[in-house]
Amino acid sequence: MEPRIESALLGVLTLVISEKYPDYPCYTGKPPFGQYGDIDVSLICLEGTAGDLIHLLSAAELKYPKLVAQEAKLLLSAQSEILELHRKYFENKWKGTAGELMHTLKLENCSIFDDETIELWYAGGHAFRQLYVHLNLDSEMRLSEVGFDG
């Protein structure tokens, strides 16, 4: 695998092979993402795959602008589920609206996998006691899972 790749859309992406996950090679960069400014973007080859880099990069370049355009709608569609999870985790401590809770989230990472699924990771900040909120999208960019991690 090349140590660096360049994309007109995503900028320079650098190969990272984690000691913790050596079977998941990925390329990372910091392209702009709408209202959030620059975020971390990772293109990840799934475990046990040789990683078709050209396919992965092409798919990411096609999906990324659509994702930037649809992210607010995706987050809005997940807000009731995020509020419900928040209430379970934090025993109904949130007294504001679901919309107000969504405004505390900041997108920090977008991971695009070679099976064309996507994960969006939001920093939850104080309202989420520093937990991250993640939205998992299927290969058609439909919401498939919402969760907290920290």
C-alpha atoms as a PDB file:
ATOM      1  CA  MET A   1       0.000   0.000   0.000  1.00  0.00           C
ATOM      2  CA  GLU A   2       1.148   3.507  -0.764  1.00  0.00           C
ATOM      3  CA  PRO A   3       2.212   5.599   2.269  1.00  0.00           C
ATOM      4  CA  ARG A   4       0.210   8.593   0.958  1.00  0.00           C
ATOM      5  CA  ILE A   5      -2.521   9.150  -1.562  1.00  0.00           C
ATOM      6  CA  GLU A   6      -3.899  12.411  -2.885  1.00  0.00           C
ATOM      7  CA  SER A   7      -7.491  13.171  -3.671  1.00  0.00           C
ATOM      8  CA  ALA A   8      -8.783  16.360  -5.255  1.00  0.00           C
ATOM      9  CA  LEU A   9     -11.777  16.151  -2.913  1.00  0.00           C
ATOM     10  CA  LEU A  10     -10.317  14.684   0.304  1.00  0.00           C
ATOM     11  CA  GLY A  11      -6.795  16.121   0.122  1.00  0.00           C
ATOM     12  CA  VAL A  12      -3.714  14.197   1.211  1.00  0.00           C
ATOM     13  CA  LEU A  13      -4.467  10.946   3.012  1.00  0.00           C
ATOM     14  CA  THR A  14      -1.754   9.148   4.984  1.00  0.00           C
ATOM     15  CA  LEU A  15      -1.545   5.399   5.565  1.00  0.00           C
ATOM     16  CA  VAL A  16      -1.939   4.396   9.204  1.00  0.00           C
ATOM     17  CA  ILE A  17      -1.459   0.852  10.446  1.00  0.00           C
ATOM     18  CA  SER A  18      -2.405   0.689  14.089  1.00  0.00           C
ATOM     19  CA  GLU A  19      -0.543  -1.587  16.483  1.00  0.00           C
ATOM     20  CA  LYS A  20      -3.883  -2.339  18.119  1.00  0.00           C
ATOM     21  CA  TYR A  21      -5.627  -3.131  14.800  1.00  0.00           C
ATOM     22  CA  PRO A  22      -2.930  -4.143  12.288  1.00  0.00           C
ATOM     23  CA  ASP A  23      -5.474  -5.989  10.124  1.00  0.00           C
ATOM     24  CA  TYR A  24      -7.380  -2.751   9.472  1.00  0.00           C
ATOM     25  CA  PRO A  25      -5.125  -0.524   7.363  1.00  0.00           C
ATOM     26  CA  CYS A  26      -6.564   2.917   6.836  1.00  0.00           C
ATOM     27  CA  TYR A  27      -5.841   6.248   5.217  1.00  0.00           C
ATOM     28  CA  THR A  28      -6.570   9.381   7.218  1.00  0.00           C
ATOM     29  CA  GLY A  29      -6.845  13.054   6.378  1.00  0.00           C
ATOM     30  CA  LYS A  30      -8.574  16.271   7.466  1.00  0.00           C
ATOM     31  CA  PRO A  31     -10.835  17.590   4.710  1.00  0.00           C
ATOM     32  CA  PRO A  32     -13.525  20.213   5.346  1.00  0.00           C
ATOM     33  CA  PHE A  33     -17.018  19.034   6.241  1.00  0.00           C
ATOM     34  CA  GLY A  34     -19.647  21.759   5.981  1.00  0.00           C
ATOM     35  CA  GLN A  35     -20.433  23.655   9.182  1.00  0.00           C
ATOM     36  CA  TYR A  36     -17.970  21.579  11.218  1.00  0.00           C
ATOM     37  CA  GLY A  37     -14.857  22.751   9.403  1.00  0.00           C
ATOM     38  CA  ASP A  38     -12.037  20.227   9.041  1.00  0.00           C
ATOM     39  CA  ILE A  39     -12.772  16.785  10.487  1.00  0.00           C
ATOM     40  CA  ASP A  40     -10.825  13.534  10.627  1.00  0.00           C
ATOM     41  CA  VAL A  41     -11.716  11.249   7.732  1.00  0.00           C
ATOM     42  CA  SER A  42     -10.590   7.631   7.612  1.00  0.00           C
ATOM     43  CA  LEU A  43     -10.809   5.271   4.654  1.00  0.00           C
ATOM     44  CA  ILE A  44     -10.653   1.803   6.208  1.00  0.00           C
ATOM     45  CA  CYS A  45     -10.013  -1.626   4.699  1.00  0.00           C
ATOM     46  CA  LEU A  46     -11.913  -4.295   6.590  1.00  0.00           C
ATOM     47  CA  GLU A  47     -10.114  -7.143   8.318  1.00  0.00           C
ATOM     48  CA  GLY A  48      -9.030  -9.932   6.044  1.00  0.00           C
ATOM     49  CA  THR A  49      -9.407  -7.920   2.838  1.00  0.00           C
ATOM     50  CA  ALA A  50      -6.529  -6.937   0.652  1.00  0.00           C
ATOM     51  CA  GLY A  51      -8.134  -3.546   0.345  1.00  0.00           C
ATOM     52  CA  ASP A  52      -8.942  -2.353  -3.125  1.00  0.00           C
ATOM     53  CA  LEU A  53      -7.633   1.160  -2.623  1.00  0.00           C
ATOM     54  CA  ILE A  54      -8.808   2.496  -5.970  1.00  0.00           C
ATOM     55  CA  HIS A  55     -12.368   1.290  -5.321  1.00  0.00           C
ATOM     56  CA  LEU A  56     -12.315   2.611  -1.747  1.00  0.00           C
ATOM     57  CA  LEU A  57     -11.050   6.045  -2.791  1.00  0.00           C
ATOM     58  CA  SER A  58     -13.500   6.261  -5.716  1.00  0.00           C
ATOM     59  CA  ALA A  59     -16.432   5.288  -3.501  1.00  0.00           C
ATOM     60  CA  ALA A  60     -15.368   7.788  -0.834  1.00  0.00           C
ATOM     61  CA  GLU A  61     -15.055  10.593  -3.389  1.00  0.00           C
ATOM     62  CA  LEU A  62     -18.565   9.855  -4.671  1.00  0.00           C
ATOM     63  CA  LYS A  63     -20.153   9.559  -1.229  1.00  0.00           C
ATOM     64  CA  TYR A  64     -18.412  12.378   0.611  1.00  0.00           C
ATOM     65  CA  PRO A  65     -20.201  15.350  -1.040  1.00  0.00           C
ATOM     66  CA  LYS A  66     -23.554  13.555  -0.653  1.00  0.00           C
ATOM     67  CA  LEU A  67     -22.756  12.860   2.976  1.00  0.00           C
ATOM     68  CA  VAL A  68     -21.866  16.502   3.644  1.00  0.00           C
ATOM     69  CA  ALA A  69     -25.172  17.530   2.047  1.00  0.00           C
ATOM     70  CA  GLN A  70     -27.264  14.943   3.953  1.00  0.00           C
ATOM     71  CA  GLU A  71     -25.550  14.907   7.365  1.00  0.00           C
ATOM     72  CA  ALA A  72     -27.955  17.366   9.022  1.00  0.00           C
ATOM     73  CA  LYS A  73     -30.968  15.302   7.857  1.00  0.00           C
ATOM     74  CA  LEU A  74     -29.335  12.090   9.084  1.00  0.00           C
ATOM     75  CA  LEU A  75     -28.662  13.626  12.492  1.00  0.00           C
ATOM     76  CA  LEU A  76     -32.229  14.960  12.624  1.00  0.00           C
ATOM     77  CA  SER A  77     -33.607  11.503  11.798  1.00  0.00           C
ATOM     78  CA  ALA A  78     -31.584  10.056  14.693  1.00  0.00           C
ATOM     79  CA  GLN A  79     -32.451  12.704  17.286  1.00  0.00           C
ATOM     80  CA  SER A  80     -35.307  10.836  19.009  1.00  0.00           C
ATOM     81  CA  GLU A  81     -33.155   7.710  19.293  1.00  0.00           C
ATOM     82  CA  ILE A  82     -30.225   9.760  20.638  1.00  0.00           C
ATOM     83  CA  LEU A  83     -32.514  11.412  23.205  1.00  0.00           C
ATOM     84  CA  GLU A  84     -33.883   8.023  24.254  1.00  0.00           C
ATOM     85  CA  LEU A  85     -30.364   6.609  24.661  1.00  0.00           C
ATOM     86  CA  HIS A  86     -29.338   9.720  26.579  1.00  0.00           C
ATOM     87  CA  ARG A  87     -32.255   9.264  28.985  1.00  0.00           C
ATOM     88  CA  LYS A  88     -31.321   5.615  29.559  1.00  0.00           C
ATOM     89  CA  TYR A  89     -27.633   6.384  30.121  1.00  0.00           C
ATOM     90  CA  PHE A  90     -28.141   9.448  32.299  1.00  0.00           C
ATOM     91  CA  GLU A  91     -31.428   8.692  34.089  1.00  0.00           C
ATOM     92  CA  ASN A  92     -33.564  11.428  32.510  1.00  0.00           C
ATOM     93  CA  LYS A  93     -31.228  14.252  33.581  1.00  0.00           C
ATOM     94  CA  TRP A  94     -31.637  16.164  30.299  1.00  0.00           C
ATOM     95  CA  LYS A  95     -34.434  18.704  30.682  1.00  0.00           C
ATOM     96  CA  GLY A  96     -34.150  20.385  27.290  1.00  0.00           C
ATOM     97  CA  THR A  97     -35.575  19.353  23.936  1.00  0.00           C
ATOM     98  CA  ALA A  98     -34.108  16.757  21.595  1.00  0.00           C
ATOM     99  CA  GLY A  99     -33.138  19.594  19.251  1.00  0.00           C
ATOM    100  CA  GLU A 100     -31.252  21.391  22.002  1.00  0.00           C
ATOM    101  CA  LEU A 101     -29.408  18.165  22.813  1.00  0.00           C
ATOM    102  CA  MET A 102     -28.424  17.756  19.135  1.00  0.00           C
ATOM    103  CA  HIS A 103     -26.863  21.234  19.164  1.00  0.00           C
ATOM    104  CA  THR A 104     -24.330  20.027  21.738  1.00  0.00           C
ATOM    105  CA  LEU A 105     -22.895  17.491  19.246  1.00  0.00           C
ATOM    106  CA  LYS A 106     -19.857  18.230  17.079  1.00  0.00           C
ATOM    107  CA  LEU A 107     -18.878  15.948  14.202  1.00  0.00           C
ATOM    108  CA  GLU A 108     -15.247  14.909  14.619  1.00  0.00           C
ATOM    109  CA  ASN A 109     -14.727  11.786  12.505  1.00  0.00           C
ATOM    110  CA  CYS A 110     -16.110  10.136   9.408  1.00  0.00           C
ATOM    111  CA  SER A 111     -14.992   6.589   8.654  1.00  0.00           C
ATOM    112  CA  ILE A 112     -15.715   5.155   5.218  1.00  0.00           C
ATOM    113  CA  PHE A 113     -15.182   1.409   4.866  1.00  0.00           C
ATOM    114  CA  ASP A 114     -14.382  -0.602   1.766  1.00  0.00           C
ATOM    115  CA  ASP A 115     -17.840  -2.224   1.952  1.00  0.00           C
ATOM    116  CA  GLU A 116     -19.129   1.381   1.519  1.00  0.00           C
ATOM    117  CA  THR A 117     -20.642   1.604   5.002  1.00  0.00           C
ATOM    118  CA  ILE A 118     -19.980   4.788   6.970  1.00  0.00           C
ATOM    119  CA  GLU A 119     -19.616   5.753  10.620  1.00  0.00           C
ATOM    120  CA  LEU A 120     -20.053   9.332  11.830  1.00  0.00           C
ATOM    121  CA  TRP A 121     -18.575  10.111  15.256  1.00  0.00           C
ATOM    122  CA  TYR A 122     -19.750  13.146  17.218  1.00  0.00           C
ATOM    123  CA  ALA A 123     -18.149  14.540  20.360  1.00  0.00           C
ATOM    124  CA  GLY A 124     -20.916  14.789  22.913  1.00  0.00           C
ATOM    125  CA  GLY A 125     -19.215  17.178  25.277  1.00  0.00           C
ATOM    126  CA  HIS A 126     -20.590  18.008  28.700  1.00  0.00           C
ATOM    127  CA  ALA A 127     -24.189  16.999  27.958  1.00  0.00           C
ATOM    128  CA  PHE A 128     -22.981  13.482  27.142  1.00  0.00           C
ATOM    129  CA  ARG A 129     -20.301  13.371  29.866  1.00  0.00           C
ATOM    130  CA  GLN A 130     -17.628  13.200  27.172  1.00  0.00           C
ATOM    131  CA  LEU A 131     -19.134  10.135  25.457  1.00  0.00           C
ATOM    132  CA  TYR A 132     -19.120   9.981  21.683  1.00  0.00           C
ATOM    133  CA  VAL A 133     -22.299   9.519  19.675  1.00  0.00           C
ATOM    134  CA  HIS A 134     -21.957   7.422  16.542  1.00  0.00           C
ATOM    135  CA  LEU A 135     -24.271   7.022  13.602  1.00  0.00           C
ATOM    136  CA  ASN A 136     -23.698   3.961  11.430  1.00  0.00           C
ATOM    137  CA  LEU A 137     -24.896   4.159   7.843  1.00  0.00           C
ATOM    138  CA  ASP A 138     -25.371   1.288   5.430  1.00  0.00           C
ATOM    139  CA  SER A 139     -23.915   1.280   1.923  1.00  0.00           C
ATOM    140  CA  GLU A 140     -26.933   3.286   0.695  1.00  0.00           C
ATOM    141  CA  MET A 141     -26.268   5.949   3.388  1.00  0.00           C
ATOM    142  CA  ARG A 142     -29.346   4.984   5.406  1.00  0.00           C
ATOM    143  CA  LEU A 143     -29.160   5.083   9.188  1.00  0.00           C
ATOM    144  CA  SER A 144     -28.577   1.567  10.515  1.00  0.00           C
ATOM    145  CA  GLU A 145     -27.469   2.122  14.121  1.00  0.00           C
ATOM    146  CA  VAL A 146     -27.108   4.823  16.759  1.00  0.00           C
ATOM    147  CA  GLY A 147     -24.918   4.372  19.805  1.00  0.00           C
ATOM    148  CA  PHE A 148     -22.714   5.921  22.475  1.00  0.00           C
ATOM    149  CA  ASP A 149     -19.071   5.066  23.073  1.00  0.00           C
ATOM    150  CA  GLY A 150     -16.513   6.540  25.282  1.00  0.00           C
END
